[in-house]
Amino acid sequence: MLIQASDLRTTGFDIMTRLALFVKEMRKTYGLTQVDLALKSGVGLRFVRDLEQGKKSTLRLDKVNQVLRLFGAEMAPVKSPAPEDITPPA
């Protein structure tokens, strides 16, 4: 699942809300409890709870990706066109 910036503007959800909904939905789809998800992904239960609640202080990309890998997904920067007023270095 790839979330692009343009998707976020049109859906009205910020990235943490979309991420939280995705993780919670996938966890339930796979029949996992929050405890199961924490154990299988190697993160703490509090991290899983905070992630599913969309808490921004939770966003550690390495830990988020540990959770997402269980569902065949990951978060990573996606290259988008640079603003016209920025020139890349030579």
C-alpha atoms as a PDB file:
ATOM      1  CA  MET A   1       0.000   0.000   0.000  1.00  0.00           C
ATOM      2  CA  LEU A   2       1.511   3.290  -1.081  1.00  0.00           C
ATOM      3  CA  ILE A   3       0.166   6.509   0.396  1.00  0.00           C
ATOM      4  CA  GLN A   4       0.992   9.588  -1.657  1.00  0.00           C
ATOM      5  CA  ALA A   5       0.770  13.203  -0.546  1.00  0.00           C
ATOM      6  CA  SER A   6      -1.963  13.950  -3.092  1.00  0.00           C
ATOM      7  CA  ASP A   7      -4.108  11.182  -1.561  1.00  0.00           C
ATOM      8  CA  LEU A   8      -3.794  12.765   1.860  1.00  0.00           C
ATOM      9  CA  ARG A   9      -5.016  16.161   0.706  1.00  0.00           C
ATOM     10  CA  THR A  10      -8.102  14.752  -0.987  1.00  0.00           C
ATOM     11  CA  THR A  11      -9.155  12.285   1.710  1.00  0.00           C
ATOM     12  CA  GLY A  12      -9.027  14.717   4.605  1.00  0.00           C
ATOM     13  CA  PHE A  13      -6.916  12.335   6.677  1.00  0.00           C
ATOM     14  CA  ASP A  14      -3.385  13.108   7.768  1.00  0.00           C
ATOM     15  CA  ILE A  15      -0.641  10.513   7.360  1.00  0.00           C
ATOM     16  CA  MET A  16      -0.834   9.309  10.974  1.00  0.00           C
ATOM     17  CA  THR A  17      -4.584   8.764  10.748  1.00  0.00           C
ATOM     18  CA  ARG A  18      -4.214   6.789   7.511  1.00  0.00           C
ATOM     19  CA  LEU A  19      -1.362   4.771   8.985  1.00  0.00           C
ATOM     20  CA  ALA A  20      -3.307   4.084  12.184  1.00  0.00           C
ATOM     21  CA  LEU A  21      -6.369   2.929  10.255  1.00  0.00           C
ATOM     22  CA  PHE A  22      -4.267   0.712   7.981  1.00  0.00           C
ATOM     23  CA  VAL A  23      -2.447  -1.007  10.858  1.00  0.00           C
ATOM     24  CA  LYS A  24      -5.629  -1.578  12.848  1.00  0.00           C
ATOM     25  CA  GLU A  25      -7.519  -2.891   9.814  1.00  0.00           C
ATOM     26  CA  MET A  26      -4.709  -5.251   8.817  1.00  0.00           C
ATOM     27  CA  ARG A  27      -4.273  -6.504  12.386  1.00  0.00           C
ATOM     28  CA  LYS A  28      -7.965  -7.369  12.558  1.00  0.00           C
ATOM     29  CA  THR A  29      -7.918  -8.916   9.072  1.00  0.00           C
ATOM     30  CA  TYR A  30      -5.130 -11.248  10.190  1.00  0.00           C
ATOM     31  CA  GLY A  31      -6.963 -12.033  13.432  1.00  0.00           C
ATOM     32  CA  LEU A  32      -4.257 -10.589  15.667  1.00  0.00           C
ATOM     33  CA  THR A  33      -4.625  -8.884  19.001  1.00  0.00           C
ATOM     34  CA  GLN A  34      -2.471  -5.883  19.792  1.00  0.00           C
ATOM     35  CA  VAL A  35      -0.380  -8.166  22.001  1.00  0.00           C
ATOM     36  CA  ASP A  36       0.070 -10.632  19.109  1.00  0.00           C
ATOM     37  CA  LEU A  37       1.092  -7.826  16.764  1.00  0.00           C
ATOM     38  CA  ALA A  38       3.627  -6.473  19.246  1.00  0.00           C
ATOM     39  CA  LEU A  39       5.169  -9.919  19.789  1.00  0.00           C
ATOM     40  CA  LYS A  40       5.265 -10.889  16.104  1.00  0.00           C
ATOM     41  CA  SER A  41       6.744  -7.565  14.976  1.00  0.00           C
ATOM     42  CA  GLY A  42       9.213  -7.185  17.850  1.00  0.00           C
ATOM     43  CA  VAL A  43       7.913  -3.859  19.147  1.00  0.00           C
ATOM     44  CA  GLY A  44       6.344  -3.002  22.471  1.00  0.00           C
ATOM     45  CA  LEU A  45       2.628  -3.182  23.175  1.00  0.00           C
ATOM     46  CA  ARG A  46       2.561   0.518  24.035  1.00  0.00           C
ATOM     47  CA  PHE A  47       4.059   1.305  20.606  1.00  0.00           C
ATOM     48  CA  VAL A  48       1.305  -0.691  18.874  1.00  0.00           C
ATOM     49  CA  ARG A  49      -1.398   1.039  20.917  1.00  0.00           C
ATOM     50  CA  ASP A  50       0.051   4.489  20.231  1.00  0.00           C
ATOM     51  CA  LEU A  51       0.453   3.679  16.541  1.00  0.00           C
ATOM     52  CA  GLU A  52      -3.178   2.584  16.217  1.00  0.00           C
ATOM     53  CA  GLN A  53      -4.274   5.776  17.983  1.00  0.00           C
ATOM     54  CA  GLY A  54      -2.308   7.889  15.505  1.00  0.00           C
ATOM     55  CA  LYS A  55      -0.043   9.503  18.075  1.00  0.00           C
ATOM     56  CA  LYS A  56       2.583  11.518  16.215  1.00  0.00           C
ATOM     57  CA  SER A  57       5.214  10.991  18.913  1.00  0.00           C
ATOM     58  CA  THR A  58       5.138   7.312  17.911  1.00  0.00           C
ATOM     59  CA  LEU A  59       6.544   7.859  14.445  1.00  0.00           C
ATOM     60  CA  ARG A  60       9.873   6.064  14.428  1.00  0.00           C
ATOM     61  CA  LEU A  61      10.190   4.854  10.885  1.00  0.00           C
ATOM     62  CA  ASP A  62      12.239   1.777  11.785  1.00  0.00           C
ATOM     63  CA  LYS A  63       9.622   0.567  14.279  1.00  0.00           C
ATOM     64  CA  VAL A  64       6.693   1.495  12.037  1.00  0.00           C
ATOM     65  CA  ASN A  65       8.273  -0.576   9.262  1.00  0.00           C
ATOM     66  CA  GLN A  66       8.783  -3.525  11.633  1.00  0.00           C
ATOM     67  CA  VAL A  67       5.013  -3.575  12.089  1.00  0.00           C
ATOM     68  CA  LEU A  68       4.172  -2.919   8.433  1.00  0.00           C
ATOM     69  CA  ARG A  69       6.462  -5.708   7.167  1.00  0.00           C
ATOM     70  CA  LEU A  70       4.123  -8.269   8.722  1.00  0.00           C
ATOM     71  CA  PHE A  71       1.512  -7.078   6.231  1.00  0.00           C
ATOM     72  CA  GLY A  72       3.841  -6.794   3.224  1.00  0.00           C
ATOM     73  CA  ALA A  73       4.026  -2.995   3.399  1.00  0.00           C
ATOM     74  CA  GLU A  74       6.511  -0.296   4.339  1.00  0.00           C
ATOM     75  CA  MET A  75       6.772   3.468   4.591  1.00  0.00           C
ATOM     76  CA  ALA A  76       9.452   5.241   2.632  1.00  0.00           C
ATOM     77  CA  PRO A  77      10.038   8.607   0.984  1.00  0.00           C
ATOM     78  CA  VAL A  78       8.402   8.924  -2.405  1.00  0.00           C
ATOM     79  CA  LYS A  79      10.021  11.270  -4.905  1.00  0.00           C
ATOM     80  CA  SER A  80       7.717  13.984  -6.094  1.00  0.00           C
ATOM     81  CA  PRO A  81       8.341  16.961  -8.383  1.00  0.00           C
ATOM     82  CA  ALA A  82      10.392  19.688  -6.705  1.00  0.00           C
ATOM     83  CA  PRO A  83       8.796  23.096  -6.355  1.00  0.00           C
ATOM     84  CA  GLU A  84       9.695  25.405  -9.216  1.00  0.00           C
ATOM     85  CA  ASP A  85      11.464  27.865  -6.923  1.00  0.00           C
ATOM     86  CA  ILE A  86      14.027  25.271  -5.744  1.00  0.00           C
ATOM     87  CA  THR A  87      17.027  24.407  -7.895  1.00  0.00           C
ATOM     88  CA  PRO A  88      18.842  21.125  -7.196  1.00  0.00           C
ATOM     89  CA  PRO A  89      22.562  21.405  -6.421  1.00  0.00           C
ATOM     90  CA  ALA A  90      24.962  21.022  -9.344  1.00  0.00           C
END
